[in-house]
C-alpha cells in the first residue's frame, strides 16, 4: 500500500487532461459523499480528499494514485 499523504501536503495525480496539482484536505476512513459520488473508504482502505489548485474542486483519490510533491 502506498504511503498516505498528510493534510496540507502538496500532491499531483493524473487525469485524462494531464497531470493535476492540489493539496490534501483530509484522509477519509469511512464512506463519504464527495460531489455526488460515494468514496468507499475505510480504516483498512483509506482514501484522500484533495483540492485542485487550478479549479478549487474537491475529489477523493486512493493513496496510490497520488504523488507527493
N, C-alpha and C. Protein backbone atom coordinates (compact mmCIF):
# COMPACT_ATOMS: atom_id res chain seq x y z
N UNK A 1 0.84 -1.18 0.00
CA UNK A 1 0.00 0.00 0.00
C UNK A 1 0.89 1.24 0.00
N UNK A 2 0.47 2.25 -0.73
CA UNK A 2 1.23 3.49 -0.83
C UNK A 2 1.16 4.26 0.49
N UNK A 3 2.18 5.07 0.74
CA UNK A 3 2.18 5.91 1.93
C UNK A 3 1.08 6.96 1.78
N UNK A 4 0.33 7.18 2.84
CA UNK A 4 -0.79 8.11 2.79
C UNK A 4 -0.28 9.52 3.09
N UNK A 5 -0.52 10.47 2.17
CA UNK A 5 -0.09 11.84 2.42
C UNK A 5 -0.91 12.46 3.55
N UNK A 6 -0.33 13.44 4.23
CA UNK A 6 -0.99 14.10 5.36
C UNK A 6 -1.70 15.38 4.91
N UNK A 7 -2.61 15.85 5.76
CA UNK A 7 -3.33 17.09 5.48
C UNK A 7 -2.33 18.22 5.22
N UNK A 8 -2.56 18.98 4.17
CA UNK A 8 -1.69 20.09 3.81
C UNK A 8 -0.58 19.74 2.83
N UNK A 9 -0.35 18.45 2.58
CA UNK A 9 0.69 18.04 1.63
C UNK A 9 0.30 18.43 0.21
N UNK A 10 1.28 18.88 -0.57
CA UNK A 10 1.07 19.15 -1.99
C UNK A 10 1.23 17.83 -2.73
N UNK A 11 0.29 17.53 -3.62
CA UNK A 11 0.30 16.27 -4.37
C UNK A 11 -0.04 16.51 -5.83
N UNK A 12 0.27 15.52 -6.66
CA UNK A 12 -0.14 15.53 -8.06
C UNK A 12 -0.84 14.21 -8.35
N UNK A 13 -1.69 14.22 -9.39
CA UNK A 13 -2.35 13.00 -9.84
C UNK A 13 -2.65 13.14 -11.32
N UNK A 14 -2.83 12.02 -11.97
CA UNK A 14 -3.07 12.02 -13.42
C UNK A 14 -4.56 12.07 -13.71
N UNK A 15 -4.92 12.86 -14.73
CA UNK A 15 -6.29 12.95 -15.23
C UNK A 15 -6.23 12.77 -16.74
N UNK A 16 -7.36 12.59 -17.40
CA UNK A 16 -7.34 12.48 -18.86
C UNK A 16 -6.76 13.74 -19.54
N UNK A 17 -6.83 14.89 -18.85
CA UNK A 17 -6.31 16.13 -19.41
C UNK A 17 -4.82 16.34 -19.11
N UNK A 18 -4.23 15.47 -18.31
CA UNK A 18 -2.83 15.60 -17.94
C UNK A 18 -2.66 15.55 -16.44
N UNK A 19 -1.52 16.01 -15.96
CA UNK A 19 -1.24 15.97 -14.53
C UNK A 19 -1.87 17.17 -13.83
N UNK A 20 -2.47 16.93 -12.66
CA UNK A 20 -3.12 17.98 -11.88
C UNK A 20 -2.42 18.10 -10.54
N UNK A 21 -2.36 19.33 -10.03
CA UNK A 21 -1.72 19.61 -8.75
C UNK A 21 -2.79 20.05 -7.75
N UNK A 22 -2.56 19.71 -6.49
CA UNK A 22 -3.51 20.11 -5.46
C UNK A 22 -2.95 19.89 -4.07
N UNK A 23 -3.84 20.04 -3.09
CA UNK A 23 -3.48 19.94 -1.69
C UNK A 23 -4.39 18.95 -1.00
N UNK A 24 -3.83 18.17 -0.08
CA UNK A 24 -4.62 17.21 0.69
C UNK A 24 -5.46 17.98 1.71
N UNK A 25 -6.77 17.75 1.68
CA UNK A 25 -7.69 18.36 2.63
C UNK A 25 -7.84 17.49 3.87
N UNK A 26 -8.03 16.18 3.67
CA UNK A 26 -8.10 15.24 4.79
C UNK A 26 -8.08 13.81 4.28
N UNK A 27 -7.82 12.89 5.20
CA UNK A 27 -7.81 11.47 4.89
C UNK A 27 -9.17 10.91 5.30
N UNK A 28 -9.84 10.21 4.39
CA UNK A 28 -11.16 9.64 4.65
C UNK A 28 -11.01 8.19 5.11
N UNK A 29 -11.67 7.86 6.23
CA UNK A 29 -11.60 6.49 6.75
C UNK A 29 -12.99 5.87 6.89
N UNK A 30 -14.00 6.53 6.33
CA UNK A 30 -15.35 5.96 6.30
C UNK A 30 -16.02 6.42 5.01
N UNK A 31 -17.05 5.71 4.59
CA UNK A 31 -17.75 6.04 3.36
C UNK A 31 -18.26 7.47 3.43
N UNK A 32 -17.96 8.26 2.39
CA UNK A 32 -18.26 9.68 2.38
C UNK A 32 -18.77 10.09 1.00
N UNK A 33 -19.72 11.02 0.95
CA UNK A 33 -20.20 11.57 -0.32
C UNK A 33 -19.32 12.77 -0.70
N UNK A 34 -18.80 12.75 -1.92
CA UNK A 34 -17.98 13.85 -2.44
C UNK A 34 -18.52 14.19 -3.82
N UNK A 35 -19.10 15.39 -3.96
CA UNK A 35 -19.65 15.85 -5.24
C UNK A 35 -20.62 14.83 -5.86
N UNK A 36 -21.47 14.24 -5.05
CA UNK A 36 -22.46 13.29 -5.56
C UNK A 36 -21.92 11.89 -5.80
N UNK A 37 -20.65 11.68 -5.55
CA UNK A 37 -20.05 10.35 -5.70
C UNK A 37 -19.77 9.78 -4.32
N UNK A 38 -19.80 8.47 -4.21
CA UNK A 38 -19.53 7.82 -2.94
C UNK A 38 -18.09 7.32 -2.90
N UNK A 39 -17.33 7.84 -1.94
CA UNK A 39 -15.95 7.37 -1.72
C UNK A 39 -16.04 6.28 -0.67
N UNK A 40 -15.86 5.03 -1.09
CA UNK A 40 -15.98 3.90 -0.18
C UNK A 40 -14.67 3.68 0.55
N UNK A 41 -14.41 4.56 1.50
CA UNK A 41 -13.18 4.50 2.28
C UNK A 41 -13.43 3.74 3.58
N UNK A 42 -12.36 3.20 4.15
CA UNK A 42 -12.42 2.53 5.45
C UNK A 42 -11.06 2.70 6.11
N UNK A 43 -10.95 2.27 7.38
CA UNK A 43 -9.66 2.35 8.06
C UNK A 43 -8.64 1.45 7.37
N UNK A 44 -9.09 0.32 6.81
CA UNK A 44 -8.19 -0.61 6.12
C UNK A 44 -7.85 -0.12 4.71
N UNK A 45 -8.76 0.63 4.10
CA UNK A 45 -8.55 1.14 2.73
C UNK A 45 -8.95 2.61 2.68
N UNK A 46 -8.13 3.50 3.27
CA UNK A 46 -8.48 4.93 3.29
C UNK A 46 -8.38 5.57 1.90
N UNK A 47 -9.07 6.68 1.75
CA UNK A 47 -8.95 7.50 0.55
C UNK A 47 -8.57 8.90 1.00
N UNK A 48 -8.11 9.70 0.04
CA UNK A 48 -7.60 11.03 0.35
C UNK A 48 -8.44 12.08 -0.37
N UNK A 49 -8.95 13.05 0.39
CA UNK A 49 -9.71 14.15 -0.20
C UNK A 49 -8.72 15.24 -0.58
N UNK A 50 -8.68 15.58 -1.87
CA UNK A 50 -7.75 16.60 -2.36
C UNK A 50 -8.52 17.74 -2.99
N UNK A 51 -7.91 18.92 -2.97
CA UNK A 51 -8.49 20.11 -3.59
C UNK A 51 -7.57 20.57 -4.70
N UNK A 52 -8.10 20.69 -5.90
CA UNK A 52 -7.32 21.09 -7.06
C UNK A 52 -6.87 22.54 -6.94
N UNK A 53 -5.58 22.80 -7.24
CA UNK A 53 -5.06 24.16 -7.24
C UNK A 53 -5.68 24.98 -8.36
N UNK A 54 -5.97 24.36 -9.49
CA UNK A 54 -6.46 25.07 -10.67
C UNK A 54 -7.95 25.41 -10.57
N UNK A 55 -8.77 24.42 -10.19
CA UNK A 55 -10.22 24.62 -10.21
C UNK A 55 -10.83 24.85 -8.82
N UNK A 56 -10.12 24.45 -7.77
CA UNK A 56 -10.66 24.57 -6.43
C UNK A 56 -11.65 23.48 -6.07
N UNK A 57 -11.87 22.53 -6.98
CA UNK A 57 -12.82 21.45 -6.73
C UNK A 57 -12.16 20.35 -5.91
N UNK A 58 -13.00 19.63 -5.14
CA UNK A 58 -12.52 18.54 -4.31
C UNK A 58 -12.84 17.20 -4.95
N UNK A 59 -11.98 16.22 -4.70
CA UNK A 59 -12.19 14.86 -5.18
C UNK A 59 -11.49 13.89 -4.25
N UNK A 60 -12.01 12.67 -4.17
CA UNK A 60 -11.39 11.63 -3.36
C UNK A 60 -10.56 10.72 -4.27
N UNK A 61 -9.36 10.38 -3.81
CA UNK A 61 -8.46 9.51 -4.57
C UNK A 61 -7.88 8.46 -3.66
N UNK A 62 -7.53 7.32 -4.23
CA UNK A 62 -6.81 6.30 -3.49
C UNK A 62 -5.38 6.78 -3.32
N UNK A 63 -4.76 6.47 -2.18
CA UNK A 63 -3.39 6.96 -1.93
C UNK A 63 -2.38 6.59 -3.01
N UNK A 64 -2.52 5.41 -3.63
CA UNK A 64 -1.54 5.00 -4.64
C UNK A 64 -1.66 5.78 -5.95
N UNK A 65 -2.72 6.57 -6.12
CA UNK A 65 -2.84 7.39 -7.34
C UNK A 65 -2.25 8.78 -7.15
N UNK A 66 -1.81 9.09 -5.93
CA UNK A 66 -1.25 10.42 -5.63
C UNK A 66 0.26 10.35 -5.48
N UNK A 67 0.93 11.43 -5.90
CA UNK A 67 2.37 11.54 -5.75
C UNK A 67 2.66 12.82 -4.99
N UNK A 68 3.36 12.69 -3.86
CA UNK A 68 3.70 13.86 -3.06
C UNK A 68 4.73 14.71 -3.78
N UNK A 69 4.53 16.02 -3.77
CA UNK A 69 5.44 16.94 -4.46
C UNK A 69 6.49 17.44 -3.50
